[in-house]
Amino acid sequence: MLVLAAVVSLGSLVFSLESSSQGSTSAVVTFRIAPSMSLSILGESTSGNSVVSIYTMPRPTAQERQAGFLERLNALTLIARSNVPWALRVRAQEPEMGISDDGTYHKPVSDFEVRASRGAYLPVALSDQLLTRGSPGEHPLSIDYRIRLGPEHRDGTYSITLIYTLVSQ
């Protein structure tokens, strides 16, 4: 609406200048469209440029223990909408995912890895990590999770709170 009003005002100005003067007149008008972006979880309403997701780790199967990691493909789908080039960042809210059932092991968030749209896995940290970038438009982003199960891993009830943020480039 603001852009339309500016164009109509400019047109009126040019028309009135042409009708009131004998010579030619020109005008240059510049305007800037402010960046607009939103991030949402598929199926939920848009909530600004950040979303919070909580993931609770299931008990690993024997095959997952043997492989040394637990992987969940398409664990989350985010929808990035932007009228400018953008970047998606992710960070953990807490330094640990929880404590083992026997109380001997604290699962660090760095064991939790995330990737967007089949890119490379990235260990989660307390600071923002660049997950992916994109061009203007609406983009569904498939988010995969992988949790490392090293030899020190002990079963427990583990969860992680992830904060995804869309920023302009």
Protein backbone atom coordinates (compact mmCIF):
# COMPACT_ATOMS: atom_id res chain seq x y z
CA MET A 1 0.00 0.00 0.00
CA LEU A 2 2.85 2.36 0.86
CA VAL A 3 4.54 1.75 -2.49
CA LEU A 4 1.25 2.29 -4.37
CA ALA A 5 0.68 5.58 -2.53
CA ALA A 6 4.21 6.73 -3.40
CA VAL A 7 3.70 5.91 -7.09
CA VAL A 8 0.33 7.73 -7.20
CA SER A 9 1.83 10.77 -5.45
CA LEU A 10 4.78 10.80 -7.84
CA GLY A 11 2.44 10.58 -10.82
CA SER A 12 0.37 13.51 -9.54
CA LEU A 13 3.54 15.54 -8.93
CA VAL A 14 4.89 14.90 -12.42
CA PHE A 15 1.50 15.66 -14.02
CA SER A 16 1.13 18.95 -12.13
CA LEU A 17 4.71 20.00 -12.93
CA GLU A 18 4.23 19.29 -16.64
CA SER A 19 0.97 21.24 -16.84
CA SER A 20 2.28 24.29 -14.96
CA SER A 21 5.59 24.83 -16.76
CA GLN A 22 6.64 25.55 -20.31
CA GLY A 23 9.91 23.56 -20.14
CA SER A 24 10.51 19.97 -19.27
CA THR A 25 10.86 18.81 -15.72
CA SER A 26 12.07 15.53 -14.37
CA ALA A 27 12.14 14.08 -10.92
CA VAL A 28 13.93 11.13 -9.39
CA VAL A 29 12.29 9.29 -6.56
CA THR A 30 14.01 6.49 -4.72
CA PHE A 31 12.57 4.21 -2.13
CA ARG A 32 13.68 1.16 -0.25
CA ILE A 33 11.53 -1.86 0.47
CA ALA A 34 12.14 -3.00 4.01
CA PRO A 35 13.16 -6.63 4.50
CA SER A 36 10.27 -8.81 5.51
CA MET A 37 10.75 -12.37 6.74
CA SER A 38 9.02 -15.01 8.77
CA LEU A 39 9.80 -18.51 9.96
CA SER A 40 7.27 -21.14 10.96
CA ILE A 41 6.98 -24.84 11.60
CA LEU A 42 4.93 -26.60 8.92
CA GLY A 43 1.30 -26.68 10.01
CA GLU A 44 1.64 -23.88 12.56
CA SER A 45 0.94 -20.18 12.18
CA THR A 46 3.75 -17.76 11.42
CA SER A 47 5.40 -16.54 14.60
CA GLY A 48 8.00 -13.96 13.54
CA ASN A 49 11.55 -14.70 12.50
CA SER A 50 12.28 -17.29 15.23
CA VAL A 51 10.74 -20.60 16.28
CA VAL A 52 11.42 -22.88 19.23
CA SER A 53 11.38 -26.65 18.83
CA ILE A 54 11.74 -29.24 21.61
CA TYR A 55 12.96 -32.71 20.68
CA THR A 56 12.90 -35.65 23.08
CA MET A 57 15.40 -38.36 22.24
CA PRO A 58 13.94 -41.89 22.03
CA ARG A 59 15.79 -44.88 23.45
CA PRO A 60 18.32 -46.10 20.85
CA THR A 61 17.77 -49.47 19.20
CA ALA A 62 20.48 -52.12 19.10
CA GLN A 63 21.22 -51.16 15.47
CA GLU A 64 21.56 -47.49 16.40
CA ARG A 65 23.90 -48.34 19.27
CA GLN A 66 26.00 -50.43 16.86
CA ALA A 67 26.08 -47.57 14.32
CA GLY A 68 27.09 -45.08 17.05
CA PHE A 69 24.26 -42.64 16.32
CA LEU A 70 20.52 -42.22 16.25
CA GLU A 71 19.16 -40.44 13.16
CA ARG A 72 15.74 -38.96 12.45
CA LEU A 73 15.23 -37.82 8.86
CA ASN A 74 12.57 -35.16 8.27
CA ALA A 75 12.24 -34.64 12.02
CA LEU A 76 10.95 -31.12 11.43
CA THR A 77 9.87 -28.99 8.45
CA LEU A 78 10.38 -25.25 8.67
CA ILE A 79 8.91 -22.72 6.24
CA ALA A 80 11.18 -19.72 5.54
CA ARG A 81 9.53 -16.71 3.88
CA SER A 82 11.56 -13.66 2.92
CA ASN A 83 11.71 -10.87 0.35
CA VAL A 84 15.52 -10.65 0.70
CA PRO A 85 18.37 -13.21 0.77
CA TRP A 86 18.33 -14.93 4.15
CA ALA A 87 20.24 -17.25 6.48
CA LEU A 88 18.87 -19.77 8.96
CA ARG A 89 20.68 -20.09 12.28
CA VAL A 90 20.21 -22.62 15.07
CA ARG A 91 21.30 -22.79 18.70
CA ALA A 92 20.54 -24.79 21.81
CA GLN A 93 18.96 -23.20 24.85
CA GLU A 94 20.79 -25.34 27.46
CA PRO A 95 24.32 -26.85 27.56
CA GLU A 96 23.07 -30.36 28.32
CA MET A 97 20.29 -32.63 27.07
CA GLY A 98 19.85 -34.22 30.49
CA ILE A 99 21.30 -36.76 32.91
CA SER A 100 21.39 -40.54 32.51
CA ASP A 101 19.02 -42.76 34.46
CA ASP A 102 21.89 -43.85 36.73
CA GLY A 103 23.03 -40.22 37.29
CA THR A 104 26.57 -40.85 35.99
CA TYR A 105 26.40 -39.22 32.54
CA HIS A 106 25.46 -35.70 31.38
CA LYS A 107 24.55 -35.71 27.64
CA PRO A 108 26.11 -32.58 26.04
CA VAL A 109 24.20 -30.68 23.35
CA SER A 110 27.26 -31.04 21.10
CA ASP A 111 26.23 -34.72 20.65
CA PHE A 112 23.12 -33.41 18.87
CA GLU A 113 23.63 -32.60 15.19
CA VAL A 114 21.25 -30.93 12.78
CA ARG A 115 21.14 -30.36 9.03
CA ALA A 116 18.81 -28.64 6.58
CA SER A 117 17.70 -30.07 3.23
CA ARG A 118 20.29 -32.87 3.19
CA GLY A 119 23.28 -30.59 3.76
CA ALA A 120 26.14 -31.45 6.10
CA TYR A 121 25.40 -32.21 9.75
CA LEU A 122 26.36 -29.48 12.19
CA PRO A 123 26.88 -29.98 15.95
CA VAL A 124 24.54 -27.77 17.96
CA ALA A 125 26.04 -25.19 20.33
CA LEU A 126 24.79 -22.49 22.68
CA SER A 127 25.74 -19.83 20.11
CA ASP A 128 24.10 -19.36 16.73
CA GLN A 129 25.33 -21.72 14.02
CA LEU A 130 24.68 -21.10 10.30
CA LEU A 131 22.47 -23.94 9.08
CA THR A 132 21.60 -22.85 5.54
CA ARG A 133 21.00 -19.84 3.27
CA GLY A 134 18.46 -19.01 0.64
CA SER A 135 17.08 -16.57 -1.87
CA PRO A 136 13.92 -14.48 -1.59
CA GLY A 137 10.66 -16.43 -1.65
CA GLU A 138 8.99 -19.18 0.33
CA HIS A 139 11.12 -22.24 1.07
CA PRO A 140 10.18 -25.45 2.90
CA LEU A 141 13.24 -26.73 4.79
CA SER A 142 13.48 -30.37 5.80
CA ILE A 143 15.42 -30.62 9.08
CA ASP A 144 17.20 -33.88 10.02
CA TYR A 145 18.56 -34.77 13.46
CA ARG A 146 21.44 -37.06 14.40
CA ILE A 147 22.51 -37.83 17.94
CA ARG A 148 25.93 -39.34 18.57
CA LEU A 149 26.02 -42.36 20.88
CA GLY A 150 29.64 -42.69 21.94
CA PRO A 151 30.99 -45.40 24.23
CA GLU A 152 30.34 -43.18 27.27
CA HIS A 153 26.61 -42.85 26.42
CA ARG A 154 24.15 -44.07 29.07
CA ASP A 155 20.39 -44.37 28.65
CA GLY A 156 18.34 -41.56 30.08
CA THR A 157 15.52 -39.17 29.34
CA TYR A 158 17.13 -36.60 27.09
CA SER A 159 15.61 -33.60 25.36
CA ILE A 160 16.85 -30.46 23.67
CA THR A 161 15.32 -27.06 23.07
CA LEU A 162 16.42 -25.64 19.72
CA ILE A 163 15.96 -22.04 18.64
CA TYR A 164 15.86 -21.43 14.87
CA THR A 165 16.24 -17.83 13.67
CA LEU A 166 15.88 -16.38 10.17
CA VAL A 167 18.12 -13.35 9.48
CA SER A 168 18.72 -11.22 6.40
CA GLN A 169 22.01 -11.50 4.54
